[in-house]
Amino acid sequence: MKGSIISGAIHGFLVVALGAFGAHALESILDDYSTGIWETAVQYQMFHALAIVAIGILMSPKLFGSIKLLKIAAICMNLGIVFFSGSLYILALSGIGILGAITPIGGVLFLAGWILIIVTTLKNK
């Protein structure tokens, strides 16, 4: 429970910093295409940071408790951020197109995390 809330909060902190960095420090460096990539990375990182915090809350003993599927969902979301948003941040900065091949791995991890939340919810009262 604590680990999910802490990791979600760390991602939330980082995404605010990266969003500000992209908007201010990189404003004159990134072209419109790369700025769009950076903004996509920021959005998905924030959505999933909040989802990881929500998973931590669901793991409260008063809700679902410490369920293995929720732990796996949190891991999937954390790794999804690394692969999806991480590859997009690097792509925006470097322009290395092959990194676009890594991004879908993160997307699949996000989907897996969401499915695990659904399955956990359906299995519990």
N, C-alpha and C. Protein backbone atom coordinates (compact mmCIF):
# COMPACT_ATOMS: atom_id res chain seq x y z
N MET A 1 0.83 -1.19 0.00
CA MET A 1 0.00 0.00 0.00
C MET A 1 0.87 1.26 0.00
N LYS A 2 1.74 1.36 0.99
CA LYS A 2 2.62 2.53 1.09
C LYS A 2 3.49 2.69 -0.16
N GLY A 3 4.03 1.55 -0.62
CA GLY A 3 4.93 1.60 -1.78
C GLY A 3 4.26 2.16 -3.01
N SER A 4 3.00 1.80 -3.25
CA SER A 4 2.28 2.31 -4.41
C SER A 4 2.02 3.80 -4.27
N ILE A 5 1.60 4.21 -3.09
CA ILE A 5 1.32 5.64 -2.89
C ILE A 5 2.60 6.46 -3.03
N ILE A 6 3.69 5.96 -2.48
CA ILE A 6 4.97 6.68 -2.58
C ILE A 6 5.45 6.72 -4.03
N SER A 7 5.41 5.59 -4.73
CA SER A 7 5.90 5.61 -6.12
C SER A 7 5.01 6.48 -7.01
N GLY A 8 3.70 6.44 -6.76
CA GLY A 8 2.80 7.33 -7.52
C GLY A 8 3.10 8.79 -7.24
N ALA A 9 3.36 9.11 -5.97
CA ALA A 9 3.69 10.49 -5.62
C ALA A 9 5.03 10.93 -6.22
N ILE A 10 5.99 10.02 -6.26
CA ILE A 10 7.28 10.34 -6.89
C ILE A 10 7.07 10.63 -8.37
N HIS A 11 6.28 9.79 -9.04
CA HIS A 11 5.99 10.06 -10.46
C HIS A 11 5.26 11.38 -10.62
N GLY A 12 4.33 11.68 -9.71
CA GLY A 12 3.62 12.96 -9.76
C GLY A 12 4.57 14.13 -9.63
N PHE A 13 5.48 14.04 -8.68
CA PHE A 13 6.49 15.09 -8.50
C PHE A 13 7.33 15.26 -9.77
N LEU A 14 7.81 14.12 -10.28
CA LEU A 14 8.66 14.17 -11.47
C LEU A 14 7.92 14.75 -12.68
N VAL A 15 6.66 14.39 -12.82
CA VAL A 15 5.92 14.85 -14.00
C VAL A 15 5.68 16.35 -13.94
N VAL A 16 5.46 16.90 -12.76
CA VAL A 16 5.31 18.35 -12.64
C VAL A 16 6.63 19.02 -13.02
N ALA A 17 7.74 18.48 -12.51
CA ALA A 17 9.05 19.03 -12.84
C ALA A 17 9.36 18.90 -14.33
N LEU A 18 9.08 17.73 -14.90
CA LEU A 18 9.35 17.51 -16.33
C LEU A 18 8.42 18.36 -17.21
N GLY A 19 7.19 18.53 -16.79
CA GLY A 19 6.27 19.38 -17.54
C GLY A 19 6.76 20.82 -17.56
N ALA A 20 7.18 21.32 -16.41
CA ALA A 20 7.70 22.69 -16.33
C ALA A 20 9.00 22.82 -17.13
N PHE A 21 9.85 21.81 -17.02
CA PHE A 21 11.11 21.81 -17.77
C PHE A 21 10.84 21.87 -19.27
N GLY A 22 9.89 21.07 -19.72
CA GLY A 22 9.55 21.06 -21.14
C GLY A 22 8.96 22.38 -21.60
N ALA A 23 8.12 22.97 -20.77
CA ALA A 23 7.45 24.22 -21.14
C ALA A 23 8.39 25.42 -21.11
N HIS A 24 9.39 25.40 -20.26
CA HIS A 24 10.25 26.58 -20.10
C HIS A 24 11.67 26.37 -20.65
N ALA A 25 12.37 25.38 -20.12
CA ALA A 25 13.77 25.19 -20.50
C ALA A 25 13.92 24.67 -21.92
N LEU A 26 12.96 23.87 -22.37
CA LEU A 26 13.08 23.26 -23.70
C LEU A 26 12.28 24.02 -24.77
N GLU A 27 11.62 25.09 -24.37
CA GLU A 27 10.74 25.84 -25.27
C GLU A 27 11.43 26.24 -26.58
N SER A 28 12.66 26.69 -26.47
CA SER A 28 13.37 27.15 -27.67
C SER A 28 14.17 26.04 -28.35
N ILE A 29 14.22 24.87 -27.72
CA ILE A 29 15.01 23.75 -28.25
C ILE A 29 14.16 22.79 -29.06
N LEU A 30 12.96 22.47 -28.56
CA LEU A 30 12.10 21.48 -29.21
C LEU A 30 11.26 22.13 -30.31
N ASP A 31 11.14 21.43 -31.44
CA ASP A 31 10.21 21.89 -32.47
C ASP A 31 8.80 21.48 -32.07
N ASP A 32 7.81 21.84 -32.89
CA ASP A 32 6.41 21.53 -32.55
C ASP A 32 6.17 20.04 -32.42
N TYR A 33 6.76 19.25 -33.30
CA TYR A 33 6.59 17.80 -33.26
C TYR A 33 7.13 17.22 -31.95
N SER A 34 8.34 17.61 -31.60
CA SER A 34 8.97 17.11 -30.37
C SER A 34 8.24 17.62 -29.12
N THR A 35 7.73 18.83 -29.18
CA THR A 35 6.95 19.36 -28.06
C THR A 35 5.70 18.52 -27.85
N GLY A 36 5.04 18.12 -28.93
CA GLY A 36 3.87 17.26 -28.84
C GLY A 36 4.20 15.92 -28.21
N ILE A 37 5.35 15.37 -28.58
CA ILE A 37 5.80 14.09 -28.00
C ILE A 37 6.03 14.26 -26.50
N TRP A 38 6.71 15.34 -26.13
CA TRP A 38 6.99 15.62 -24.71
C TRP A 38 5.68 15.75 -23.93
N GLU A 39 4.72 16.48 -24.49
CA GLU A 39 3.44 16.68 -23.81
C GLU A 39 2.68 15.36 -23.65
N THR A 40 2.76 14.48 -24.63
CA THR A 40 2.12 13.17 -24.52
C THR A 40 2.75 12.38 -23.38
N ALA A 41 4.07 12.42 -23.30
CA ALA A 41 4.78 11.71 -22.22
C ALA A 41 4.34 12.23 -20.86
N VAL A 42 4.24 13.55 -20.74
CA VAL A 42 3.83 14.18 -19.48
C VAL A 42 2.40 13.76 -19.12
N GLN A 43 1.49 13.80 -20.08
CA GLN A 43 0.09 13.44 -19.80
C GLN A 43 -0.03 12.00 -19.32
N TYR A 44 0.58 11.09 -20.03
CA TYR A 44 0.46 9.68 -19.65
C TYR A 44 1.14 9.40 -18.32
N GLN A 45 2.25 10.07 -18.05
CA GLN A 45 2.89 9.87 -16.76
C GLN A 45 1.99 10.35 -15.64
N MET A 46 1.33 11.50 -15.82
CA MET A 46 0.46 12.02 -14.77
C MET A 46 -0.76 11.13 -14.56
N PHE A 47 -1.40 10.71 -15.65
CA PHE A 47 -2.57 9.83 -15.52
C PHE A 47 -2.21 8.58 -14.71
N HIS A 48 -1.09 8.01 -15.03
CA HIS A 48 -0.71 6.75 -14.40
C HIS A 48 -0.09 6.93 -13.02
N ALA A 49 0.49 8.10 -12.75
CA ALA A 49 0.92 8.40 -11.38
C ALA A 49 -0.30 8.42 -10.47
N LEU A 50 -1.37 9.04 -10.92
CA LEU A 50 -2.60 9.09 -10.13
C LEU A 50 -3.20 7.69 -9.98
N ALA A 51 -3.12 6.89 -11.03
CA ALA A 51 -3.63 5.52 -10.96
C ALA A 51 -2.84 4.70 -9.94
N ILE A 52 -1.55 4.90 -9.88
CA ILE A 52 -0.72 4.16 -8.92
C ILE A 52 -1.09 4.56 -7.49
N VAL A 53 -1.33 5.85 -7.26
CA VAL A 53 -1.79 6.29 -5.94
C VAL A 53 -3.15 5.64 -5.62
N ALA A 54 -4.04 5.60 -6.61
CA ALA A 54 -5.35 4.98 -6.40
C ALA A 54 -5.22 3.50 -6.06
N ILE A 55 -4.29 2.82 -6.70
CA ILE A 55 -4.04 1.41 -6.39
C ILE A 55 -3.61 1.29 -4.92
N GLY A 56 -2.74 2.17 -4.49
CA GLY A 56 -2.32 2.15 -3.09
C GLY A 56 -3.49 2.34 -2.14
N ILE A 57 -4.39 3.21 -2.50
CA ILE A 57 -5.58 3.44 -1.67
C ILE A 57 -6.48 2.20 -1.67
N LEU A 58 -6.65 1.57 -2.84
CA LEU A 58 -7.45 0.35 -2.92
C LEU A 58 -6.86 -0.77 -2.06
N MET A 59 -5.56 -0.73 -1.84
CA MET A 59 -4.90 -1.76 -1.04
C MET A 59 -5.09 -1.55 0.46
N SER A 60 -5.80 -0.50 0.82
CA SER A 60 -6.10 -0.26 2.23
C SER A 60 -6.90 -1.43 2.80
N PRO A 61 -6.66 -1.81 4.06
CA PRO A 61 -7.41 -2.91 4.67
C PRO A 61 -8.93 -2.66 4.69
N LYS A 62 -9.33 -1.40 4.68
CA LYS A 62 -10.76 -1.08 4.69
C LYS A 62 -11.40 -1.22 3.31
N LEU A 63 -10.57 -1.32 2.28
CA LEU A 63 -11.10 -1.51 0.93
C LEU A 63 -10.80 -2.95 0.50
N PHE A 64 -9.87 -3.13 -0.44
CA PHE A 64 -9.59 -4.48 -0.93
C PHE A 64 -8.50 -5.19 -0.14
N GLY A 65 -7.63 -4.44 0.48
CA GLY A 65 -6.51 -5.05 1.20
C GLY A 65 -5.33 -5.31 0.27
N SER A 66 -4.33 -5.93 0.81
CA SER A 66 -3.10 -6.19 0.07
C SER A 66 -3.31 -7.40 -0.86
N ILE A 67 -3.76 -7.13 -2.05
CA ILE A 67 -4.06 -8.17 -3.02
C ILE A 67 -2.93 -8.23 -4.05
N LYS A 68 -2.49 -9.44 -4.34
CA LYS A 68 -1.37 -9.64 -5.26
C LYS A 68 -1.63 -9.01 -6.62
N LEU A 69 -2.85 -9.11 -7.13
CA LEU A 69 -3.16 -8.53 -8.45
C LEU A 69 -2.97 -7.02 -8.45
N LEU A 70 -3.30 -6.36 -7.34
CA LEU A 70 -3.10 -4.91 -7.26
C LEU A 70 -1.62 -4.57 -7.22
N LYS A 71 -0.84 -5.38 -6.53
CA LYS A 71 0.62 -5.16 -6.51
C LYS A 71 1.19 -5.28 -7.92
N ILE A 72 0.71 -6.28 -8.64
CA ILE A 72 1.18 -6.47 -10.02
C ILE A 72 0.71 -5.31 -10.90
N ALA A 73 -0.52 -4.83 -10.67
CA ALA A 73 -1.03 -3.68 -11.42
C ALA A 73 -0.14 -2.46 -11.21
N ALA A 74 0.27 -2.23 -9.97
CA ALA A 74 1.14 -1.09 -9.67
C ALA A 74 2.50 -1.25 -10.36
N ILE A 75 3.02 -2.46 -10.36
CA ILE A 75 4.30 -2.72 -11.04
C ILE A 75 4.14 -2.45 -12.54
N CYS A 76 3.06 -2.94 -13.11
CA CYS A 76 2.81 -2.71 -14.55
C CYS A 76 2.75 -1.22 -14.87
N MET A 77 2.05 -0.46 -14.03
CA MET A 77 1.93 0.98 -14.27
C MET A 77 3.27 1.69 -14.13
N ASN A 78 4.05 1.30 -13.11
CA ASN A 78 5.37 1.89 -12.92
C ASN A 78 6.27 1.61 -14.12
N LEU A 79 6.30 0.35 -14.54
CA LEU A 79 7.11 -0.01 -15.71
C LEU A 79 6.56 0.64 -16.98
N GLY A 80 5.24 0.75 -17.05
CA GLY A 80 4.63 1.42 -18.20
C GLY A 80 5.10 2.85 -18.33
N ILE A 81 5.19 3.55 -17.20
CA ILE A 81 5.69 4.93 -17.23
C ILE A 81 7.13 4.96 -17.74
N VAL A 82 7.95 4.05 -17.24
CA VAL A 82 9.35 4.02 -17.66
C VAL A 82 9.46 3.78 -19.17
N PHE A 83 8.75 2.76 -19.66
CA PHE A 83 8.84 2.43 -21.08
C PHE A 83 8.13 3.44 -21.96
N PHE A 84 6.89 3.79 -21.62
CA PHE A 84 6.10 4.67 -22.47
C PHE A 84 6.62 6.11 -22.40
N SER A 85 6.47 6.72 -21.23
CA SER A 85 6.86 8.12 -21.09
C SER A 85 8.37 8.28 -21.23
N GLY A 86 9.13 7.37 -20.64
CA GLY A 86 10.59 7.46 -20.73
C GLY A 86 11.09 7.45 -22.16
N SER A 87 10.55 6.53 -22.96
CA SER A 87 10.99 6.49 -24.36
C SER A 87 10.57 7.74 -25.12
N LEU A 88 9.40 8.30 -24.78
CA LEU A 88 8.95 9.52 -25.45
C LEU A 88 9.79 10.73 -25.05
N TYR A 89 10.17 10.81 -23.78
CA TYR A 89 11.05 11.91 -23.35
C TYR A 89 12.37 11.86 -24.12
N ILE A 90 12.94 10.67 -24.20
CA ILE A 90 14.22 10.52 -24.90
C ILE A 90 14.04 10.79 -26.40
N LEU A 91 12.95 10.31 -26.97
CA LEU A 91 12.67 10.56 -28.39
C LEU A 91 12.54 12.05 -28.67
N ALA A 92 11.82 12.76 -27.81
CA ALA A 92 11.64 14.20 -28.01
C ALA A 92 12.97 14.94 -27.96
N LEU A 93 13.86 14.52 -27.07
CA LEU A 93 15.15 15.19 -26.93
C LEU A 93 16.16 14.79 -28.00
N SER A 94 16.13 13.52 -28.38
CA SER A 94 17.18 13.01 -29.27
C SER A 94 16.76 12.88 -30.72
N GLY A 95 15.47 12.69 -30.96
CA GLY A 95 15.01 12.46 -32.32
C GLY A 95 15.31 11.06 -32.84
N ILE A 96 15.77 10.17 -31.98
CA ILE A 96 16.09 8.80 -32.39
C ILE A 96 14.78 8.03 -32.58
N GLY A 97 14.39 7.82 -33.82
CA GLY A 97 13.10 7.25 -34.16
C GLY A 97 12.87 5.83 -33.68
N ILE A 98 13.93 5.07 -33.55
CA ILE A 98 13.79 3.67 -33.13
C ILE A 98 13.18 3.55 -31.74
N LEU A 99 13.30 4.60 -30.95
CA LEU A 99 12.72 4.59 -29.61
C LEU A 99 11.20 4.47 -29.66
N GLY A 100 10.61 4.87 -30.78
CA GLY A 100 9.18 4.71 -30.95
C GLY A 100 8.74 3.26 -30.90
N ALA A 101 9.66 2.34 -31.14
CA ALA A 101 9.35 0.91 -31.08
C ALA A 101 9.23 0.42 -29.64
N ILE A 102 9.81 1.15 -28.70
CA ILE A 102 9.76 0.76 -27.29
C ILE A 102 8.47 1.26 -26.63
N THR A 103 7.96 2.37 -27.10
CA THR A 103 6.79 3.00 -26.50
C THR A 103 5.60 2.05 -26.36
N PRO A 104 5.26 1.25 -27.37
CA PRO A 104 4.11 0.35 -27.23
C PRO A 104 4.24 -0.67 -26.09
N ILE A 105 5.46 -1.02 -25.72
CA ILE A 105 5.65 -1.92 -24.58
C ILE A 105 5.04 -1.28 -23.33
N GLY A 106 5.31 0.00 -23.17
CA GLY A 106 4.73 0.74 -22.05
C GLY A 106 3.22 0.79 -22.13
N GLY A 107 2.70 0.98 -23.34
CA GLY A 107 1.25 1.00 -23.51
C GLY A 107 0.61 -0.32 -23.13
N VAL A 108 1.24 -1.42 -23.50
CA VAL A 108 0.72 -2.74 -23.13
C VAL A 108 0.77 -2.92 -21.61
N LEU A 109 1.83 -2.44 -20.98
CA LEU A 109 1.92 -2.52 -19.52
C LEU A 109 0.82 -1.70 -18.85
N PHE A 110 0.53 -0.52 -19.40
CA PHE A 110 -0.58 0.29 -18.87
C PHE A 110 -1.89 -0.48 -18.98
N LEU A 111 -2.15 -1.06 -20.14
CA LEU A 111 -3.38 -1.82 -20.35
C LEU A 111 -3.48 -3.00 -19.38
N ALA A 112 -2.37 -3.69 -19.18
CA ALA A 112 -2.36 -4.81 -18.24
C ALA A 112 -2.70 -4.33 -16.83
N GLY A 113 -2.13 -3.21 -16.43
CA GLY A 113 -2.42 -2.65 -15.11
C GLY A 113 -3.89 -2.33 -14.93
N TRP A 114 -4.49 -1.71 -15.95
CA TRP A 114 -5.92 -1.37 -15.88
C TRP A 114 -6.77 -2.63 -15.83
N ILE A 115 -6.41 -3.63 -16.61
CA ILE A 115 -7.17 -4.89 -16.60
C ILE A 115 -7.09 -5.55 -15.22
N LEU A 116 -5.92 -5.52 -14.61
CA LEU A 116 -5.77 -6.11 -13.28
C LEU A 116 -6.63 -5.38 -12.24
N ILE A 117 -6.78 -4.08 -12.38
CA ILE A 117 -7.67 -3.33 -11.47
C ILE A 117 -9.12 -3.78 -11.68
N ILE A 118 -9.51 -3.94 -12.93
CA ILE A 118 -10.87 -4.40 -13.24
C ILE A 118 -11.11 -5.79 -12.66
N VAL A 119 -10.18 -6.70 -12.90
CA VAL A 119 -10.33 -8.08 -12.42
C VAL A 119 -10.41 -8.10 -10.90
N THR A 120 -9.56 -7.34 -10.24
CA THR A 120 -9.57 -7.29 -8.77
C THR A 120 -10.91 -6.77 -8.27
N THR A 121 -11.42 -5.74 -8.90
CA THR A 121 -12.69 -5.16 -8.49
C THR A 121 -13.84 -6.16 -8.69
N LEU A 122 -13.83 -6.87 -9.78
CA LEU A 122 -14.88 -7.86 -10.05
C LEU A 122 -14.83 -9.04 -9.08
N LYS A 123 -13.61 -9.40 -8.65
CA LYS A 123 -13.44 -10.55 -7.75
C LYS A 123 -13.81 -10.22 -6.31
N ASN A 124 -13.80 -8.94 -5.94
CA ASN A 124 -14.05 -8.56 -4.54
C ASN A 124 -15.45 -8.00 -4.36
N LYS A 125 -15.92 -8.13 -3.13
CA LYS A 125 -17.28 -7.67 -2.81
C LYS A 125 -17.36 -6.17 -2.74
